[in-house]
Amino acid sequence: MKPLNVGLRITVNKKIDNLKDMEIWADISLLSGTILKQYNKKKTSNLEALADAIARLTFYFQENINNKRLYKKAISDYRLARNRAVERARKAEKENEKLIKKTKQL
């Protein structure tokens, strides 16, 4: 089997991450909506505890998604900085080679 192109693999991973996030939010929405309906019918301490738990889970998932996004952005920034440094080093090496050739000709 032929391996995926790196760019395509990154795109597929982003799509999978987005689909997972959508599933999480759909599940949280279903759970919180169901809990709210039941809580409005009959207020119990059990349903109140469930509502608090789903609220905490919602904040946890949001924080987790934000952390993943920021991590990926930081990695991307580091890679860009490294690539720029490599390009500058290559350019300096080429310039150095030109100067060495010039000095040899003298």
PDB file of N, CA and C in Angstrom:
ATOM      1  N   MET A   1       0.847  -1.189   0.000  1.00  0.00           N
ATOM      2  CA  MET A   1       0.000   0.000   0.000  1.00  0.00           C
ATOM      3  C   MET A   1       0.886   1.244   0.000  1.00  0.00           C
ATOM      4  N   LYS A   2       0.549   2.185  -0.852  1.00  0.00           N
ATOM      5  CA  LYS A   2       1.323   3.417  -0.988  1.00  0.00           C
ATOM      6  C   LYS A   2       1.020   4.369   0.180  1.00  0.00           C
ATOM      7  N   PRO A   3       2.077   4.919   0.830  1.00  0.00           N
ATOM      8  CA  PRO A   3       1.822   5.844   1.948  1.00  0.00           C
ATOM      9  C   PRO A   3       1.214   7.148   1.470  1.00  0.00           C
ATOM     10  N   LEU A   4       0.467   7.778   2.364  1.00  0.00           N
ATOM     11  CA  LEU A   4      -0.152   9.067   2.054  1.00  0.00           C
ATOM     12  C   LEU A   4       0.903  10.150   1.931  1.00  0.00           C
ATOM     13  N   ASN A   5       0.638  11.110   1.087  1.00  0.00           N
ATOM     14  CA  ASN A   5       1.456  12.309   0.998  1.00  0.00           C
ATOM     15  C   ASN A   5       1.397  13.025   2.348  1.00  0.00           C
ATOM     16  N   VAL A   6       2.509  13.604   2.781  1.00  0.00           N
ATOM     17  CA  VAL A   6       2.568  14.257   4.103  1.00  0.00           C
ATOM     18  C   VAL A   6       1.496  15.340   4.216  1.00  0.00           C
ATOM     19  N   GLY A   7       1.352  16.175   3.211  1.00  0.00           N
ATOM     20  CA  GLY A   7       0.345  17.237   3.248  1.00  0.00           C
ATOM     21  C   GLY A   7      -1.064  16.675   3.337  1.00  0.00           C
ATOM     22  N   LEU A   8      -1.309  15.598   2.602  1.00  0.00           N
ATOM     23  CA  LEU A   8      -2.622  14.966   2.637  1.00  0.00           C
ATOM     24  C   LEU A   8      -2.875  14.348   4.007  1.00  0.00           C
ATOM     25  N   ARG A   9      -1.834  13.749   4.597  1.00  0.00           N
ATOM     26  CA  ARG A   9      -1.968  13.132   5.918  1.00  0.00           C
ATOM     27  C   ARG A   9      -2.328  14.189   6.956  1.00  0.00           C
ATOM     28  N   ILE A  10      -1.700  15.360   6.875  1.00  0.00           N
ATOM     29  CA  ILE A  10      -1.999  16.444   7.810  1.00  0.00           C
ATOM     30  C   ILE A  10      -3.439  16.904   7.635  1.00  0.00           C
ATOM     31  N   THR A  11      -3.888  17.022   6.384  1.00  0.00           N
ATOM     32  CA  THR A  11      -5.261  17.433   6.108  1.00  0.00           C
ATOM     33  C   THR A  11      -6.248  16.404   6.650  1.00  0.00           C
ATOM     34  N   VAL A  12      -5.941  15.122   6.450  1.00  0.00           N
ATOM     35  CA  VAL A  12      -6.819  14.062   6.948  1.00  0.00           C
ATOM     36  C   VAL A  12      -6.859  14.086   8.465  1.00  0.00           C
ATOM     37  N   ASN A  13      -5.715  14.284   9.112  1.00  0.00           N
ATOM     38  CA  ASN A  13      -5.686  14.358  10.574  1.00  0.00           C
ATOM     39  C   ASN A  13      -6.518  15.523  11.095  1.00  0.00           C
ATOM     40  N   LYS A  14      -6.441  16.675  10.412  1.00  0.00           N
ATOM     41  CA  LYS A  14      -7.247  17.832  10.828  1.00  0.00           C
ATOM     42  C   LYS A  14      -8.730  17.509  10.712  1.00  0.00           C
ATOM     43  N   LYS A  15      -9.093  16.840   9.611  1.00  0.00           N
ATOM     44  CA  LYS A  15     -10.498  16.501   9.400  1.00  0.00           C
ATOM     45  C   LYS A  15     -10.977  15.536  10.479  1.00  0.00           C
ATOM     46  N   ILE A  16     -10.150  14.539  10.797  1.00  0.00           N
ATOM     47  CA  ILE A  16     -10.516  13.583  11.842  1.00  0.00           C
ATOM     48  C   ILE A  16     -10.665  14.293  13.184  1.00  0.00           C
ATOM     49  N   ASP A  17      -9.736  15.183  13.507  1.00  0.00           N
ATOM     50  CA  ASP A  17      -9.834  15.948  14.757  1.00  0.00           C
ATOM     51  C   ASP A  17     -11.117  16.771  14.798  1.00  0.00           C
ATOM     52  N   ASN A  18     -11.451  17.412  13.683  1.00  0.00           N
ATOM     53  CA  ASN A  18     -12.678  18.215  13.628  1.00  0.00           C
ATOM     54  C   ASN A  18     -13.917  17.342  13.809  1.00  0.00           C
ATOM     55  N   LEU A  19     -13.923  16.166  13.188  1.00  0.00           N
ATOM     56  CA  LEU A  19     -15.073  15.262  13.333  1.00  0.00           C
ATOM     57  C   LEU A  19     -15.209  14.771  14.778  1.00  0.00           C
ATOM     58  N   LYS A  20     -14.076  14.466  15.417  1.00  0.00           N
ATOM     59  CA  LYS A  20     -14.119  14.054  16.831  1.00  0.00           C
ATOM     60  C   LYS A  20     -14.671  15.179  17.700  1.00  0.00           C
ATOM     61  N   ASP A  21     -14.205  16.404  17.451  1.00  0.00           N
ATOM     62  CA  ASP A  21     -14.701  17.549  18.216  1.00  0.00           C
ATOM     63  C   ASP A  21     -16.201  17.726  18.027  1.00  0.00           C
ATOM     64  N   MET A  22     -16.657  17.587  16.792  1.00  0.00           N
ATOM     65  CA  MET A  22     -18.094  17.729  16.526  1.00  0.00           C
ATOM     66  C   MET A  22     -18.890  16.652  17.255  1.00  0.00           C
ATOM     67  N   GLU A  23     -18.375  15.419  17.285  1.00  0.00           N
ATOM     68  CA  GLU A  23     -19.064  14.345  18.005  1.00  0.00           C
ATOM     69  C   GLU A  23     -19.140  14.651  19.499  1.00  0.00           C
ATOM     70  N   ILE A  24     -18.036  15.129  20.053  1.00  0.00           N
ATOM     71  CA  ILE A  24     -18.020  15.458  21.487  1.00  0.00           C
ATOM     72  C   ILE A  24     -19.076  16.518  21.793  1.00  0.00           C
ATOM     73  N   TRP A  25     -19.107  17.591  20.972  1.00  0.00           N
ATOM     74  CA  TRP A  25     -20.055  18.675  21.247  1.00  0.00           C
ATOM     75  C   TRP A  25     -21.498  18.235  21.017  1.00  0.00           C
ATOM     76  N   ALA A  26     -21.712  17.350  20.041  1.00  0.00           N
ATOM     77  CA  ALA A  26     -23.068  16.832  19.824  1.00  0.00           C
ATOM     78  C   ALA A  26     -23.506  15.986  21.028  1.00  0.00           C
ATOM     79  N   ASP A  27     -22.596  15.161  21.533  1.00  0.00           N
ATOM     80  CA  ASP A  27     -22.921  14.335  22.698  1.00  0.00           C
ATOM     81  C   ASP A  27     -23.188  15.196  23.933  1.00  0.00           C
ATOM     82  N   ILE A  28     -22.356  16.201  24.138  1.00  0.00           N
ATOM     83  CA  ILE A  28     -22.551  17.094  25.289  1.00  0.00           C
ATOM     84  C   ILE A  28     -23.881  17.836  25.169  1.00  0.00           C
ATOM     85  N   SER A  29     -24.202  18.260  23.961  1.00  0.00           N
ATOM     86  CA  SER A  29     -25.469  18.965  23.740  1.00  0.00           C
ATOM     87  C   SER A  29     -26.655  18.050  24.038  1.00  0.00           C
ATOM     88  N   LEU A  30     -26.581  16.802  23.571  1.00  0.00           N
ATOM     89  CA  LEU A  30     -27.655  15.841  23.833  1.00  0.00           C
ATOM     90  C   LEU A  30     -27.796  15.591  25.332  1.00  0.00           C
ATOM     91  N   LEU A  31     -26.684  15.341  25.992  1.00  0.00           N
ATOM     92  CA  LEU A  31     -26.732  15.068  27.432  1.00  0.00           C
ATOM     93  C   LEU A  31     -27.254  16.265  28.227  1.00  0.00           C
ATOM     94  N   SER A  32     -26.719  17.443  27.928  1.00  0.00           N
ATOM     95  CA  SER A  32     -27.138  18.618  28.700  1.00  0.00           C
ATOM     96  C   SER A  32     -28.597  18.960  28.431  1.00  0.00           C
ATOM     97  N   GLY A  33     -29.035  18.784  27.184  1.00  0.00           N
ATOM     98  CA  GLY A  33     -30.442  19.045  26.873  1.00  0.00           C
ATOM     99  C   GLY A  33     -31.371  18.082  27.595  1.00  0.00           C
ATOM    100  N   THR A  34     -31.003  16.820  27.633  1.00  0.00           N
ATOM    101  CA  THR A  34     -31.807  15.811  28.318  1.00  0.00           C
ATOM    102  C   THR A  34     -31.852  16.075  29.822  1.00  0.00           C
ATOM    103  N   ILE A  35     -30.695  16.385  30.387  1.00  0.00           N
ATOM    104  CA  ILE A  35     -30.640  16.678  31.827  1.00  0.00           C
ATOM    105  C   ILE A  35     -31.486  17.907  32.152  1.00  0.00           C
ATOM    106  N   LEU A  36     -31.384  18.949  31.310  1.00  0.00           N
ATOM    107  CA  LEU A  36     -32.158  20.175  31.553  1.00  0.00           C
ATOM    108  C   LEU A  36     -33.661  19.902  31.498  1.00  0.00           C
ATOM    109  N   LYS A  37     -34.103  19.112  30.506  1.00  0.00           N
ATOM    110  CA  LYS A  37     -35.538  18.777  30.418  1.00  0.00           C
ATOM    111  C   LYS A  37     -36.011  18.070  31.681  1.00  0.00           C
ATOM    112  N   GLN A  38     -35.250  17.091  32.113  1.00  0.00           N
ATOM    113  CA  GLN A  38     -35.642  16.339  33.311  1.00  0.00           C
ATOM    114  C   GLN A  38     -35.591  17.221  34.557  1.00  0.00           C
ATOM    115  N   TYR A  39     -34.590  18.085  34.611  1.00  0.00           N
ATOM    116  CA  TYR A  39     -34.447  18.979  35.765  1.00  0.00           C
ATOM    117  C   TYR A  39     -35.616  19.959  35.836  1.00  0.00           C
ATOM    118  N   ASN A  40     -36.064  20.436  34.673  1.00  0.00           N
ATOM    119  CA  ASN A  40     -37.199  21.363  34.661  1.00  0.00           C
ATOM    120  C   ASN A  40     -38.500  20.661  35.047  1.00  0.00           C
ATOM    121  N   LYS A  41     -38.620  19.359  34.768  1.00  0.00           N
ATOM    122  CA  LYS A  41     -39.816  18.610  35.152  1.00  0.00           C
ATOM    123  C   LYS A  41     -39.852  18.382  36.662  1.00  0.00           C
ATOM    124  N   LYS A  42     -38.710  17.911  37.186  1.00  0.00           N
ATOM    125  CA  LYS A  42     -38.652  17.620  38.625  1.00  0.00           C
ATOM    126  C   LYS A  42     -37.232  17.878  39.104  1.00  0.00           C
ATOM    127  N   LYS A  43     -37.096  18.879  39.955  1.00  0.00           N
ATOM    128  CA  LYS A  43     -35.774  19.257  40.440  1.00  0.00           C
ATOM    129  C   LYS A  43     -35.350  18.311  41.567  1.00  0.00           C
ATOM    130  N   THR A  44     -34.253  17.591  41.280  1.00  0.00           N
ATOM    131  CA  THR A  44     -33.701  16.703  42.299  1.00  0.00           C
ATOM    132  C   THR A  44     -32.213  17.002  42.456  1.00  0.00           C
ATOM    133  N   SER A  45     -31.688  16.596  43.589  1.00  0.00           N
ATOM    134  CA  SER A  45     -30.263  16.826  43.828  1.00  0.00           C
ATOM    135  C   SER A  45     -29.418  15.979  42.874  1.00  0.00           C
ATOM    136  N   ASN A  46     -29.926  14.829  42.490  1.00  0.00           N
ATOM    137  CA  ASN A  46     -29.221  13.960  41.548  1.00  0.00           C
ATOM    138  C   ASN A  46     -29.077  14.634  40.177  1.00  0.00           C
ATOM    139  N   LEU A  47     -30.172  15.210  39.698  1.00  0.00           N
ATOM    140  CA  LEU A  47     -30.132  15.901  38.398  1.00  0.00           C
ATOM    141  C   LEU A  47     -29.265  17.158  38.481  1.00  0.00           C
ATOM    142  N   GLU A  48     -29.298  17.821  39.620  1.00  0.00           N
ATOM    143  CA  GLU A  48     -28.457  19.001  39.789  1.00  0.00           C
ATOM    144  C   GLU A  48     -26.974  18.607  39.751  1.00  0.00           C
ATOM    145  N   ALA A  49     -26.653  17.482  40.379  1.00  0.00           N
ATOM    146  CA  ALA A  49     -25.267  16.982  40.350  1.00  0.00           C
ATOM    147  C   ALA A  49     -24.867  16.606  38.923  1.00  0.00           C
ATOM    148  N   LEU A  50     -25.794  15.991  38.177  1.00  0.00           N
ATOM    149  CA  LEU A  50     -25.517  15.650  36.769  1.00  0.00           C
ATOM    150  C   LEU A  50     -25.280  16.908  35.940  1.00  0.00           C
ATOM    151  N   ALA A  51     -26.080  17.940  36.165  1.00  0.00           N
ATOM    152  CA  ALA A  51     -25.920  19.200  35.434  1.00  0.00           C
ATOM    153  C   ALA A  51     -24.556  19.831  35.736  1.00  0.00           C
ATOM    154  N   ASP A  52     -24.162  19.795  37.007  1.00  0.00           N
ATOM    155  CA  ASP A  52     -22.841  20.320  37.374  1.00  0.00           C
ATOM    156  C   ASP A  52     -21.727  19.515  36.714  1.00  0.00           C
ATOM    157  N   ALA A  53     -21.878  18.203  36.694  1.00  0.00           N
ATOM    158  CA  ALA A  53     -20.856  17.337  36.093  1.00  0.00           C
ATOM    159  C   ALA A  53     -20.734  17.597  34.592  1.00  0.00           C
ATOM    160  N   ILE A  54     -21.859  17.746  33.918  1.00  0.00           N
ATOM    161  CA  ILE A  54     -21.801  17.989  32.466  1.00  0.00           C
ATOM    162  C   ILE A  54     -21.215  19.365  32.189  1.00  0.00           C
ATOM    163  N   ALA A  55     -21.462  20.329  33.059  1.00  0.00           N
ATOM    164  CA  ALA A  55     -20.854  21.661  32.896  1.00  0.00           C
ATOM    165  C   ALA A  55     -19.340  21.570  33.048  1.00  0.00           C
ATOM    166  N   ARG A  56     -18.873  20.815  34.045  1.00  0.00           N
ATOM    167  CA  ARG A  56     -17.431  20.633  34.223  1.00  0.00           C
ATOM    168  C   ARG A  56     -16.805  19.919  33.027  1.00  0.00           C
ATOM    169  N   LEU A  57     -17.499  18.893  32.524  1.00  0.00           N
ATOM    170  CA  LEU A  57     -16.997  18.187  31.338  1.00  0.00           C
ATOM    171  C   LEU A  57     -16.916  19.116  30.126  1.00  0.00           C
ATOM    172  N   THR A  58     -17.908  19.965  29.988  1.00  0.00           N
ATOM    173  CA  THR A  58     -17.910  20.917  28.875  1.00  0.00           C
ATOM    174  C   THR A  58     -16.685  21.827  28.949  1.00  0.00           C
ATOM    175  N   PHE A  59     -16.422  22.371  30.129  1.00  0.00           N
ATOM    176  CA  PHE A  59     -15.245  23.233  30.286  1.00  0.00           C
ATOM    177  C   PHE A  59     -13.957  22.454  30.068  1.00  0.00           C
ATOM    178  N   TYR A  60     -13.923  21.212  30.550  1.00  0.00           N
ATOM    179  CA  TYR A  60     -12.736  20.375  30.361  1.00  0.00           C
ATOM    180  C   TYR A  60     -12.467  20.140  28.874  1.00  0.00           C
ATOM    181  N   PHE A  61     -13.511  19.750  28.127  1.00  0.00           N
ATOM    182  CA  PHE A  61     -13.328  19.489  26.696  1.00  0.00           C
ATOM    183  C   PHE A  61     -12.927  20.755  25.946  1.00  0.00           C
ATOM    184  N   GLN A  62     -13.524  21.883  26.304  1.00  0.00           N
ATOM    185  CA  GLN A  62     -13.170  23.136  25.637  1.00  0.00           C
ATOM    186  C   GLN A  62     -11.709  23.482  25.898  1.00  0.00           C
ATOM    187  N   GLU A  63     -11.279  23.324  27.151  1.00  0.00           N
ATOM    188  CA  GLU A  63      -9.884  23.606  27.502  1.00  0.00           C
ATOM    189  C   GLU A  63      -8.941  22.656  26.768  1.00  0.00           C
ATOM    190  N   ASN A  64      -9.325  21.392  26.697  1.00  0.00           N
ATOM    191  CA  ASN A  64      -8.507  20.400  26.007  1.00  0.00           C
ATOM    192  C   ASN A  64      -8.373  20.722  24.516  1.00  0.00           C
ATOM    193  N   ILE A  65      -9.461  21.099  23.895  1.00  0.00           N
ATOM    194  CA  ILE A  65      -9.440  21.457  22.469  1.00  0.00           C
ATOM    195  C   ILE A  65      -8.580  22.702  22.250  1.00  0.00           C
ATOM    196  N   ASN A  66      -8.719  23.704  23.131  1.00  0.00           N
ATOM    197  CA  ASN A  66      -7.888  24.907  23.019  1.00  0.00           C
ATOM    198  C   ASN A  66      -6.411  24.578  23.185  1.00  0.00           C
ATOM    199  N   ASN A  67      -6.085  23.713  24.149  1.00  0.00           N
ATOM    200  CA  ASN A  67      -4.690  23.333  24.368  1.00  0.00           C
ATOM    201  C   ASN A  67      -4.110  22.622  23.153  1.00  0.00           C
ATOM    202  N   LYS A  68      -4.883  21.720  22.538  1.00  0.00           N
ATOM    203  CA  LYS A  68      -4.408  21.022  21.337  1.00  0.00           C
ATOM    204  C   LYS A  68      -4.161  22.007  20.206  1.00  0.00           C
ATOM    205  N   ARG A  69      -5.087  22.955  20.030  1.00  0.00           N
ATOM    206  CA  ARG A  69      -4.949  23.946  18.960  1.00  0.00           C
ATOM    207  C   ARG A  69      -3.706  24.813  19.179  1.00  0.00           C
ATOM    208  N   LEU A  70      -3.510  25.260  20.411  1.00  0.00           N
ATOM    209  CA  LEU A  70      -2.350  26.099  20.709  1.00  0.00           C
ATOM    210  C   LEU A  70      -1.044  25.312  20.600  1.00  0.00           C
ATOM    211  N   TYR A  71      -1.063  24.042  20.974  1.00  0.00           N
ATOM    212  CA  TYR A  71       0.119  23.190  20.849  1.00  0.00           C
ATOM    213  C   TYR A  71       0.512  23.055  19.376  1.00  0.00           C
ATOM    214  N   LYS A  72      -0.486  22.784  18.539  1.00  0.00           N
ATOM    215  CA  LYS A  72      -0.210  22.639  17.101  1.00  0.00           C
ATOM    216  C   LYS A  72       0.305  23.951  16.515  1.00  0.00           C
ATOM    217  N   LYS A  73      -0.250  25.078  16.968  1.00  0.00           N
ATOM    218  CA  LYS A  73       0.214  26.373  16.482  1.00  0.00           C
ATOM    219  C   LYS A  73       1.655  26.625  16.918  1.00  0.00           C
ATOM    220  N   ALA A  74       1.980  26.302  18.164  1.00  0.00           N
ATOM    221  CA  ALA A  74       3.347  26.494  18.668  1.00  0.00           C
ATOM    222  C   ALA A  74       4.334  25.625  17.890  1.00  0.00           C
ATOM    223  N   ILE A  75       3.972  24.367  17.646  1.00  0.00           N
ATOM    224  CA  ILE A  75       4.845  23.473  16.874  1.00  0.00           C
ATOM    225  C   ILE A  75       5.052  24.028  15.478  1.00  0.00           C
ATOM    226  N   SER A  76       3.990  24.525  14.876  1.00  0.00           N
ATOM    227  CA  SER A  76       4.086  25.109  13.537  1.00  0.00           C
ATOM    228  C   SER A  76       5.021  26.320  13.540  1.00  0.00           C
ATOM    229  N   ASP A  77       4.875  27.181  14.557  1.00  0.00           N
ATOM    230  CA  ASP A  77       5.741  28.356  14.669  1.00  0.00           C
ATOM    231  C   ASP A  77       7.207  27.954  14.843  1.00  0.00           C
ATOM    232  N   TYR A  78       7.447  26.942  15.676  1.00  0.00           N
ATOM    233  CA  TYR A  78       8.823  26.468  15.880  1.00  0.00           C
ATOM    234  C   TYR A  78       9.412  25.920  14.580  1.00  0.00           C
ATOM    235  N   ARG A  79       8.603  25.178  13.837  1.00  0.00           N
ATOM    236  CA  ARG A  79       9.082  24.629  12.565  1.00  0.00           C
ATOM    237  C   ARG A  79       9.402  25.740  11.571  1.00  0.00           C
ATOM    238  N   LEU A  80       8.540  26.746  11.519  1.00  0.00           N
ATOM    239  CA  LEU A  80       8.794  27.870  10.614  1.00  0.00           C
ATOM    240  C   LEU A  80      10.082  28.589  10.986  1.00  0.00           C
ATOM    241  N   ALA A  81      10.277  28.809  12.285  1.00  0.00           N
ATOM    242  CA  ALA A  81      11.497  29.489  12.744  1.00  0.00           C
ATOM    243  C   ALA A  81      12.727  28.647  12.405  1.00  0.00           C
ATOM    244  N   ARG A  82      12.638  27.347  12.608  1.00  0.00           N
ATOM    245  CA  ARG A  82      13.765  26.471  12.285  1.00  0.00           C
ATOM    246  C   ARG A  82      14.056  26.498  10.782  1.00  0.00           C
ATOM    247  N   ASN A  83      13.010  26.440   9.970  1.00  0.00           N
ATOM    248  CA  ASN A  83      13.200  26.470   8.512  1.00  0.00           C
ATOM    249  C   ASN A  83      13.818  27.789   8.052  1.00  0.00           C
ATOM    250  N   ARG A  84      13.393  28.896   8.675  1.00  0.00           N
ATOM    251  CA  ARG A  84      13.995  30.187   8.332  1.00  0.00           C
ATOM    252  C   ARG A  84      15.464  30.213   8.713  1.00  0.00           C
ATOM    253  N   ALA A  85      15.799  29.640   9.866  1.00  0.00           N
ATOM    254  CA  ALA A  85      17.201  29.596  10.302  1.00  0.00           C
ATOM    255  C   ALA A  85      18.034  28.736   9.347  1.00  0.00           C
ATOM    256  N   VAL A  86      17.490  27.643   8.898  1.00  0.00           N
ATOM    257  CA  VAL A  86      18.199  26.771   7.948  1.00  0.00           C
ATOM    258  C   VAL A  86      18.426  27.516   6.637  1.00  0.00           C
ATOM    259  N   GLU A  87      17.407  28.218   6.179  1.00  0.00           N
ATOM    260  CA  GLU A  87      17.546  28.987   4.934  1.00  0.00           C
ATOM    261  C   GLU A  87      18.603  30.076   5.068  1.00  0.00           C
ATOM    262  N   ARG A  88      18.602  30.771   6.213  1.00  0.00           N
ATOM    263  CA  ARG A  88      19.626  31.799   6.432  1.00  0.00           C
ATOM    264  C   ARG A  88      21.020  31.175   6.450  1.00  0.00           C
ATOM    265  N   ALA A  89      21.160  30.016   7.065  1.00  0.00           N
ATOM    266  CA  ALA A  89      22.462  29.342   7.122  1.00  0.00           C
ATOM    267  C   ALA A  89      22.916  28.925   5.723  1.00  0.00           C
ATOM    268  N   ARG A  90      22.002  28.422   4.924  1.00  0.00           N
ATOM    269  CA  ARG A  90      22.343  28.032   3.546  1.00  0.00           C
ATOM    270  C   ARG A  90      22.780  29.240   2.727  1.00  0.00           C
ATOM    271  N   LYS A  91      22.043  30.323   2.901  1.00  0.00           N
ATOM    272  CA  LYS A  91      22.379  31.553   2.183  1.00  0.00           C
ATOM    273  C   LYS A  91      23.765  32.054   2.607  1.00  0.00           C
ATOM    274  N   ALA A  92      24.043  32.004   3.899  1.00  0.00           N
ATOM    275  CA  ALA A  92      25.345  32.444   4.401  1.00  0.00           C
ATOM    276  C   ALA A  92      26.460  31.542   3.874  1.00  0.00           C
ATOM    277  N   GLU A  93      26.205  30.237   3.802  1.00  0.00           N
ATOM    278  CA  GLU A  93      27.210  29.309   3.268  1.00  0.00           C
ATOM    279  C   GLU A  93      27.505  29.603   1.805  1.00  0.00           C
ATOM    280  N   LYS A  94      26.453  29.865   1.017  1.00  0.00           N
ATOM    281  CA  LYS A  94      26.653  30.195  -0.396  1.00  0.00           C
ATOM    282  C   LYS A  94      27.475  31.478  -0.537  1.00  0.00           C
ATOM    283  N   GLU A  95      27.126  32.475   0.275  1.00  0.00           N
ATOM    284  CA  GLU A  95      27.852  33.740   0.239  1.00  0.00           C
ATOM    285  C   GLU A  95      29.311  33.522   0.640  1.00  0.00           C
ATOM    286  N   ASN A  96      29.516  32.690   1.644  1.00  0.00           N
ATOM    287  CA  ASN A  96      30.867  32.371   2.108  1.00  0.00           C
ATOM    288  C   ASN A  96      31.671  31.682   0.997  1.00  0.00           C
ATOM    289  N   GLU A  97      31.057  30.754   0.296  1.00  0.00           N
ATOM    290  CA  GLU A  97      31.730  30.063  -0.808  1.00  0.00           C
ATOM    291  C   GLU A  97      32.114  31.046  -1.922  1.00  0.00           C
ATOM    292  N   LYS A  98      31.213  31.989  -2.213  1.00  0.00           N
ATOM    293  CA  LYS A  98      31.515  32.998  -3.239  1.00  0.00           C
ATOM    294  C   LYS A  98      32.730  33.833  -2.828  1.00  0.00           C
ATOM    295  N   LEU A  99      32.749  34.247  -1.554  1.00  0.00           N
ATOM    296  CA  LEU A  99      33.872  35.052  -1.068  1.00  0.00           C
ATOM    297  C   LEU A  99      35.172  34.246  -1.079  1.00  0.00           C
ATOM    298  N   ILE A 100      35.114  32.977  -0.735  1.00  0.00           N
ATOM    299  CA  ILE A 100      36.315  32.126  -0.770  1.00  0.00           C
ATOM    300  C   ILE A 100      36.838  32.029  -2.209  1.00  0.00           C
ATOM    301  N   LYS A 101      35.952  31.832  -3.166  1.00  0.00           N
ATOM    302  CA  LYS A 101      36.357  31.746  -4.582  1.00  0.00           C
ATOM    303  C   LYS A 101      36.990  33.068  -5.031  1.00  0.00           C
ATOM    304  N   LYS A 102      36.398  34.180  -4.602  1.00  0.00           N
ATOM    305  CA  LYS A 102      36.940  35.501  -4.972  1.00  0.00           C
ATOM    306  C   LYS A 102      38.346  35.677  -4.412  1.00  0.00           C
ATOM    307  N   THR A 103      38.531  35.308  -3.145  1.00  0.00           N
ATOM    308  CA  THR A 103      39.840  35.486  -2.540  1.00  0.00           C
ATOM    309  C   THR A 103      40.885  34.559  -3.170  1.00  0.00           C
ATOM    310  N   LYS A 104      40.491  33.406  -3.626  1.00  0.00           N
ATOM    311  CA  LYS A 104      41.424  32.496  -4.299  1.00  0.00           C
ATOM    312  C   LYS A 104      41.853  33.047  -5.652  1.00  0.00           C
ATOM    313  N   GLN A 105      40.957  33.756  -6.298  1.00  0.00           N
ATOM    314  CA  GLN A 105      41.267  34.335  -7.612  1.00  0.00           C
ATOM    315  C   GLN A 105      42.255  35.488  -7.489  1.00  0.00           C
ATOM    316  N   LEU A 106      42.283  36.123  -6.348  1.00  0.00           N
ATOM    317  CA  LEU A 106      43.191  37.259  -6.145  1.00  0.00           C
ATOM    318  C   LEU A 106      44.557  36.740  -5.943  1.00  0.00           C
TER     319      LEU A 106
END
